[in-house]
Amino acid sequence: MIVTTTDGVDGRSIHSYLGVVAGQAVMGTNMFRDFFASITDVVGGRSGSYEKELRKAKDLAMAEMIEDAADLDADAIVGIDLDYEHLGSEGKSMLMVSANGTAVKLA
């Protein structure tokens, strides 16, 4: 499956648009990860544990979107958009990643 953020695939023409496809992943964080991230926030630097969770959530959302497109017999997904959100309140945080695009059949 070809996946791209652009509105087309270089060197290929789009034969038909099959519809919008999407994938979502909501990942819970835990107290220890939140604690160490708050320390990183104070002293500066990167939070490896949050980056790892974001990467995992993105991969899951992309895989779900690709599966959705495969069910439509698509050759590619164009115009992909990734959105990242933080859900929840103090002590109950969740990370959400949504992936959306247009499933297409290539000529």
N, C-alpha and C. Protein backbone atom coordinates (compact mmCIF):
# COMPACT_ATOMS: atom_id res chain seq x y z
N MET A 1 0.86 -1.18 0.00
CA MET A 1 0.00 0.00 0.00
C MET A 1 0.90 1.23 0.00
N ILE A 2 0.69 2.10 -0.97
CA ILE A 2 1.42 3.37 -1.02
C ILE A 2 0.68 4.35 -0.12
N VAL A 3 1.40 4.99 0.79
CA VAL A 3 0.81 6.01 1.67
C VAL A 3 1.61 7.29 1.55
N THR A 4 0.89 8.41 1.39
CA THR A 4 1.57 9.68 1.18
C THR A 4 0.74 10.84 1.70
N THR A 5 1.43 11.88 2.13
CA THR A 5 0.74 13.09 2.57
C THR A 5 0.39 13.99 1.40
N THR A 6 0.92 13.70 0.23
CA THR A 6 0.65 14.52 -0.95
C THR A 6 -0.70 14.13 -1.55
N ASP A 7 -1.17 14.93 -2.51
CA ASP A 7 -2.48 14.66 -3.10
C ASP A 7 -2.43 13.71 -4.28
N GLY A 8 -1.29 13.12 -4.53
CA GLY A 8 -1.15 12.16 -5.62
C GLY A 8 0.09 11.31 -5.43
N VAL A 9 0.31 10.39 -6.37
CA VAL A 9 1.47 9.51 -6.34
C VAL A 9 2.30 9.83 -7.57
N ASP A 10 3.54 10.24 -7.35
CA ASP A 10 4.43 10.60 -8.45
C ASP A 10 4.48 9.53 -9.53
N GLY A 11 4.27 9.94 -10.77
CA GLY A 11 4.36 9.03 -11.89
C GLY A 11 3.14 8.15 -12.10
N ARG A 12 2.13 8.28 -11.26
CA ARG A 12 0.92 7.47 -11.38
C ARG A 12 -0.29 8.39 -11.38
N SER A 13 -1.31 8.00 -12.10
CA SER A 13 -2.54 8.79 -12.07
C SER A 13 -3.60 8.05 -11.25
N ILE A 14 -4.49 8.82 -10.68
CA ILE A 14 -5.55 8.25 -9.86
C ILE A 14 -6.72 7.89 -10.78
N HIS A 15 -7.12 6.64 -10.72
CA HIS A 15 -8.24 6.15 -11.53
C HIS A 15 -9.57 6.46 -10.85
N SER A 16 -9.64 6.19 -9.53
CA SER A 16 -10.89 6.46 -8.80
C SER A 16 -10.60 6.71 -7.32
N TYR A 17 -11.47 7.52 -6.74
CA TYR A 17 -11.41 7.82 -5.31
C TYR A 17 -12.40 6.91 -4.61
N LEU A 18 -11.92 6.18 -3.61
CA LEU A 18 -12.75 5.18 -2.95
C LEU A 18 -13.35 5.67 -1.63
N GLY A 19 -12.88 6.79 -1.14
CA GLY A 19 -13.44 7.35 0.08
C GLY A 19 -12.40 7.62 1.15
N VAL A 20 -12.85 8.28 2.19
CA VAL A 20 -11.99 8.61 3.32
C VAL A 20 -11.80 7.38 4.19
N VAL A 21 -10.56 7.15 4.58
CA VAL A 21 -10.23 6.06 5.49
C VAL A 21 -9.58 6.66 6.73
N ALA A 22 -9.70 5.96 7.84
CA ALA A 22 -9.18 6.51 9.10
C ALA A 22 -8.72 5.40 10.02
N GLY A 23 -7.84 5.78 10.91
CA GLY A 23 -7.39 4.88 11.97
C GLY A 23 -7.14 5.71 13.22
N GLN A 24 -7.47 5.16 14.37
CA GLN A 24 -7.25 5.86 15.63
C GLN A 24 -6.57 4.93 16.62
N ALA A 25 -5.78 5.54 17.48
CA ALA A 25 -5.17 4.79 18.58
C ALA A 25 -5.18 5.69 19.80
N VAL A 26 -5.71 5.17 20.89
CA VAL A 26 -5.71 5.88 22.15
C VAL A 26 -4.90 5.05 23.13
N MET A 27 -3.85 5.64 23.65
CA MET A 27 -2.93 4.93 24.52
C MET A 27 -2.93 5.56 25.90
N GLY A 28 -3.06 4.73 26.90
CA GLY A 28 -2.99 5.21 28.28
C GLY A 28 -1.54 5.42 28.69
N THR A 29 -1.32 6.41 29.50
CA THR A 29 0.01 6.60 30.09
C THR A 29 -0.10 6.18 31.54
N ASN A 30 1.03 6.02 32.17
CA ASN A 30 0.95 5.60 33.56
C ASN A 30 1.60 6.62 34.48
N MET A 31 1.40 6.44 35.76
CA MET A 31 1.85 7.37 36.77
C MET A 31 3.36 7.58 36.71
N PHE A 32 4.14 6.53 36.51
CA PHE A 32 5.60 6.66 36.50
C PHE A 32 6.07 7.45 35.28
N ARG A 33 5.47 7.16 34.12
CA ARG A 33 5.82 7.88 32.91
C ARG A 33 5.49 9.37 33.06
N ASP A 34 4.32 9.66 33.64
CA ASP A 34 3.93 11.05 33.88
C ASP A 34 4.90 11.74 34.84
N PHE A 35 5.31 11.01 35.88
CA PHE A 35 6.23 11.59 36.87
C PHE A 35 7.56 11.95 36.22
N PHE A 36 8.14 11.02 35.45
CA PHE A 36 9.43 11.29 34.82
C PHE A 36 9.31 12.36 33.73
N ALA A 37 8.18 12.40 33.06
CA ALA A 37 7.97 13.45 32.05
C ALA A 37 7.89 14.81 32.72
N SER A 38 7.30 14.89 33.91
CA SER A 38 7.22 16.18 34.61
C SER A 38 8.61 16.63 35.04
N ILE A 39 9.48 15.70 35.42
CA ILE A 39 10.86 16.07 35.75
C ILE A 39 11.57 16.59 34.50
N THR A 40 11.39 15.91 33.39
CA THR A 40 11.99 16.35 32.13
C THR A 40 11.49 17.73 31.76
N ASP A 41 10.22 18.01 32.02
CA ASP A 41 9.64 19.31 31.73
C ASP A 41 10.34 20.41 32.53
N VAL A 42 10.67 20.12 33.76
CA VAL A 42 11.32 21.11 34.63
C VAL A 42 12.78 21.32 34.24
N VAL A 43 13.53 20.24 34.03
CA VAL A 43 14.97 20.35 33.77
C VAL A 43 15.29 20.46 32.28
N GLY A 44 14.33 20.21 31.43
CA GLY A 44 14.56 20.28 29.98
C GLY A 44 14.96 18.93 29.42
N GLY A 45 14.90 18.82 28.13
CA GLY A 45 15.28 17.58 27.47
C GLY A 45 14.09 16.87 26.86
N ARG A 46 14.35 15.70 26.35
CA ARG A 46 13.33 14.92 25.67
C ARG A 46 12.78 13.85 26.61
N SER A 47 11.54 13.51 26.42
CA SER A 47 10.90 12.44 27.19
C SER A 47 10.81 11.21 26.31
N GLY A 48 11.78 10.34 26.45
CA GLY A 48 11.85 9.13 25.63
C GLY A 48 10.64 8.24 25.78
N SER A 49 10.10 8.15 27.00
CA SER A 49 8.95 7.26 27.21
C SER A 49 7.71 7.77 26.48
N TYR A 50 7.49 9.08 26.50
CA TYR A 50 6.35 9.64 25.77
C TYR A 50 6.56 9.54 24.26
N GLU A 51 7.80 9.77 23.82
CA GLU A 51 8.08 9.64 22.38
C GLU A 51 7.81 8.22 21.91
N LYS A 52 8.18 7.25 22.73
CA LYS A 52 7.95 5.85 22.37
C LYS A 52 6.45 5.56 22.28
N GLU A 53 5.66 6.07 23.22
CA GLU A 53 4.21 5.86 23.19
C GLU A 53 3.58 6.56 21.98
N LEU A 54 4.04 7.77 21.67
CA LEU A 54 3.51 8.48 20.50
C LEU A 54 3.82 7.71 19.22
N ARG A 55 5.03 7.20 19.12
CA ARG A 55 5.43 6.43 17.93
C ARG A 55 4.57 5.18 17.80
N LYS A 56 4.34 4.49 18.94
CA LYS A 56 3.52 3.28 18.92
C LYS A 56 2.08 3.61 18.51
N ALA A 57 1.54 4.70 19.05
CA ALA A 57 0.18 5.11 18.72
C ALA A 57 0.07 5.48 17.24
N LYS A 58 1.07 6.18 16.72
CA LYS A 58 1.07 6.55 15.29
C LYS A 58 1.09 5.30 14.42
N ASP A 59 1.95 4.35 14.76
CA ASP A 59 2.04 3.11 13.98
C ASP A 59 0.72 2.34 14.01
N LEU A 60 0.07 2.29 15.16
CA LEU A 60 -1.22 1.59 15.26
C LEU A 60 -2.30 2.29 14.44
N ALA A 61 -2.35 3.62 14.52
CA ALA A 61 -3.35 4.38 13.76
C ALA A 61 -3.12 4.22 12.26
N MET A 62 -1.87 4.27 11.83
CA MET A 62 -1.55 4.09 10.41
C MET A 62 -1.94 2.68 9.95
N ALA A 63 -1.63 1.68 10.75
CA ALA A 63 -1.96 0.29 10.38
C ALA A 63 -3.47 0.10 10.25
N GLU A 64 -4.23 0.71 11.16
CA GLU A 64 -5.69 0.61 11.09
C GLU A 64 -6.22 1.30 9.84
N MET A 65 -5.65 2.46 9.50
CA MET A 65 -6.07 3.19 8.30
C MET A 65 -5.74 2.37 7.04
N ILE A 66 -4.58 1.78 7.00
CA ILE A 66 -4.18 0.97 5.85
C ILE A 66 -5.09 -0.25 5.71
N GLU A 67 -5.45 -0.86 6.83
CA GLU A 67 -6.38 -1.99 6.80
C GLU A 67 -7.74 -1.56 6.26
N ASP A 68 -8.18 -0.38 6.66
CA ASP A 68 -9.45 0.17 6.17
C ASP A 68 -9.39 0.35 4.65
N ALA A 69 -8.27 0.86 4.15
CA ALA A 69 -8.10 1.06 2.70
C ALA A 69 -8.01 -0.28 1.97
N ALA A 70 -7.34 -1.24 2.56
CA ALA A 70 -7.21 -2.57 1.94
C ALA A 70 -8.58 -3.22 1.79
N ASP A 71 -9.47 -2.98 2.76
CA ASP A 71 -10.83 -3.52 2.68
C ASP A 71 -11.59 -2.94 1.48
N LEU A 72 -11.18 -1.74 1.03
CA LEU A 72 -11.81 -1.11 -0.14
C LEU A 72 -11.08 -1.47 -1.43
N ASP A 73 -10.06 -2.33 -1.33
CA ASP A 73 -9.23 -2.74 -2.46
C ASP A 73 -8.46 -1.56 -3.05
N ALA A 74 -8.00 -0.66 -2.20
CA ALA A 74 -7.25 0.52 -2.64
C ALA A 74 -5.81 0.15 -2.95
N ASP A 75 -5.21 0.94 -3.85
CA ASP A 75 -3.78 0.80 -4.16
C ASP A 75 -2.94 1.77 -3.34
N ALA A 76 -3.57 2.85 -2.91
CA ALA A 76 -2.82 3.89 -2.21
C ALA A 76 -3.76 4.71 -1.31
N ILE A 77 -3.14 5.44 -0.39
CA ILE A 77 -3.86 6.41 0.42
C ILE A 77 -3.13 7.74 0.23
N VAL A 78 -3.85 8.75 -0.22
CA VAL A 78 -3.26 10.06 -0.45
C VAL A 78 -3.82 11.07 0.54
N GLY A 79 -3.10 12.17 0.69
CA GLY A 79 -3.56 13.26 1.55
C GLY A 79 -3.62 12.89 3.02
N ILE A 80 -2.70 12.05 3.46
CA ILE A 80 -2.72 11.60 4.85
C ILE A 80 -2.46 12.78 5.79
N ASP A 81 -3.26 12.80 6.86
CA ASP A 81 -3.11 13.81 7.91
C ASP A 81 -3.05 13.07 9.24
N LEU A 82 -2.06 13.41 10.05
CA LEU A 82 -1.93 12.83 11.39
C LEU A 82 -2.24 13.90 12.42
N ASP A 83 -3.08 13.55 13.38
CA ASP A 83 -3.42 14.47 14.47
C ASP A 83 -3.08 13.81 15.79
N TYR A 84 -2.48 14.60 16.67
CA TYR A 84 -2.09 14.13 18.00
C TYR A 84 -2.85 14.93 19.04
N GLU A 85 -3.39 14.24 20.03
CA GLU A 85 -4.15 14.91 21.10
C GLU A 85 -3.78 14.31 22.45
N HIS A 86 -3.90 15.13 23.45
CA HIS A 86 -3.75 14.68 24.84
C HIS A 86 -5.13 14.73 25.46
N LEU A 87 -5.59 13.60 25.98
CA LEU A 87 -6.92 13.51 26.57
C LEU A 87 -6.79 13.27 28.06
N GLY A 88 -7.77 13.71 28.81
CA GLY A 88 -7.82 13.40 30.22
C GLY A 88 -7.47 14.58 31.10
N SER A 89 -7.42 14.28 32.37
CA SER A 89 -7.12 15.30 33.36
C SER A 89 -5.93 14.84 34.19
N GLU A 90 -5.62 15.61 35.18
CA GLU A 90 -4.49 15.32 36.06
C GLU A 90 -4.57 13.87 36.57
N GLY A 91 -3.51 13.12 36.33
CA GLY A 91 -3.45 11.75 36.81
C GLY A 91 -4.12 10.71 35.93
N LYS A 92 -4.85 11.14 34.92
CA LYS A 92 -5.55 10.20 34.03
C LYS A 92 -5.33 10.64 32.59
N SER A 93 -4.11 10.60 32.13
CA SER A 93 -3.85 11.11 30.79
C SER A 93 -3.82 9.98 29.76
N MET A 94 -4.26 10.33 28.57
CA MET A 94 -4.29 9.42 27.44
C MET A 94 -3.72 10.16 26.23
N LEU A 95 -3.05 9.43 25.37
CA LEU A 95 -2.54 9.98 24.13
C LEU A 95 -3.41 9.43 23.00
N MET A 96 -3.83 10.31 22.10
CA MET A 96 -4.63 9.86 20.97
C MET A 96 -3.97 10.32 19.67
N VAL A 97 -3.88 9.40 18.74
CA VAL A 97 -3.38 9.72 17.41
C VAL A 97 -4.44 9.26 16.43
N SER A 98 -4.79 10.16 15.49
CA SER A 98 -5.71 9.76 14.43
C SER A 98 -5.03 10.00 13.09
N ALA A 99 -5.22 9.06 12.19
CA ALA A 99 -4.67 9.13 10.84
C ALA A 99 -5.84 9.08 9.87
N ASN A 100 -5.87 10.03 8.94
CA ASN A 100 -6.95 10.11 7.95
C ASN A 100 -6.35 10.33 6.58
N GLY A 101 -6.99 9.80 5.58
CA GLY A 101 -6.55 9.99 4.20
C GLY A 101 -7.64 9.55 3.24
N THR A 102 -7.34 9.66 1.96
CA THR A 102 -8.29 9.25 0.92
C THR A 102 -7.75 8.00 0.23
N ALA A 103 -8.54 6.95 0.26
CA ALA A 103 -8.18 5.70 -0.42
C ALA A 103 -8.44 5.87 -1.91
N VAL A 104 -7.48 5.45 -2.73
CA VAL A 104 -7.61 5.60 -4.19
C VAL A 104 -7.20 4.31 -4.90
N LYS A 105 -7.73 4.18 -6.10
CA LYS A 105 -7.32 3.14 -7.03
C LYS A 105 -6.47 3.82 -8.09
N LEU A 106 -5.27 3.32 -8.32
CA LEU A 106 -4.38 3.93 -9.31
C LEU A 106 -4.60 3.32 -10.69
N ALA A 107 -4.35 4.13 -11.71
CA ALA A 107 -4.50 3.68 -13.10
C ALA A 107 -3.35 2.77 -13.47
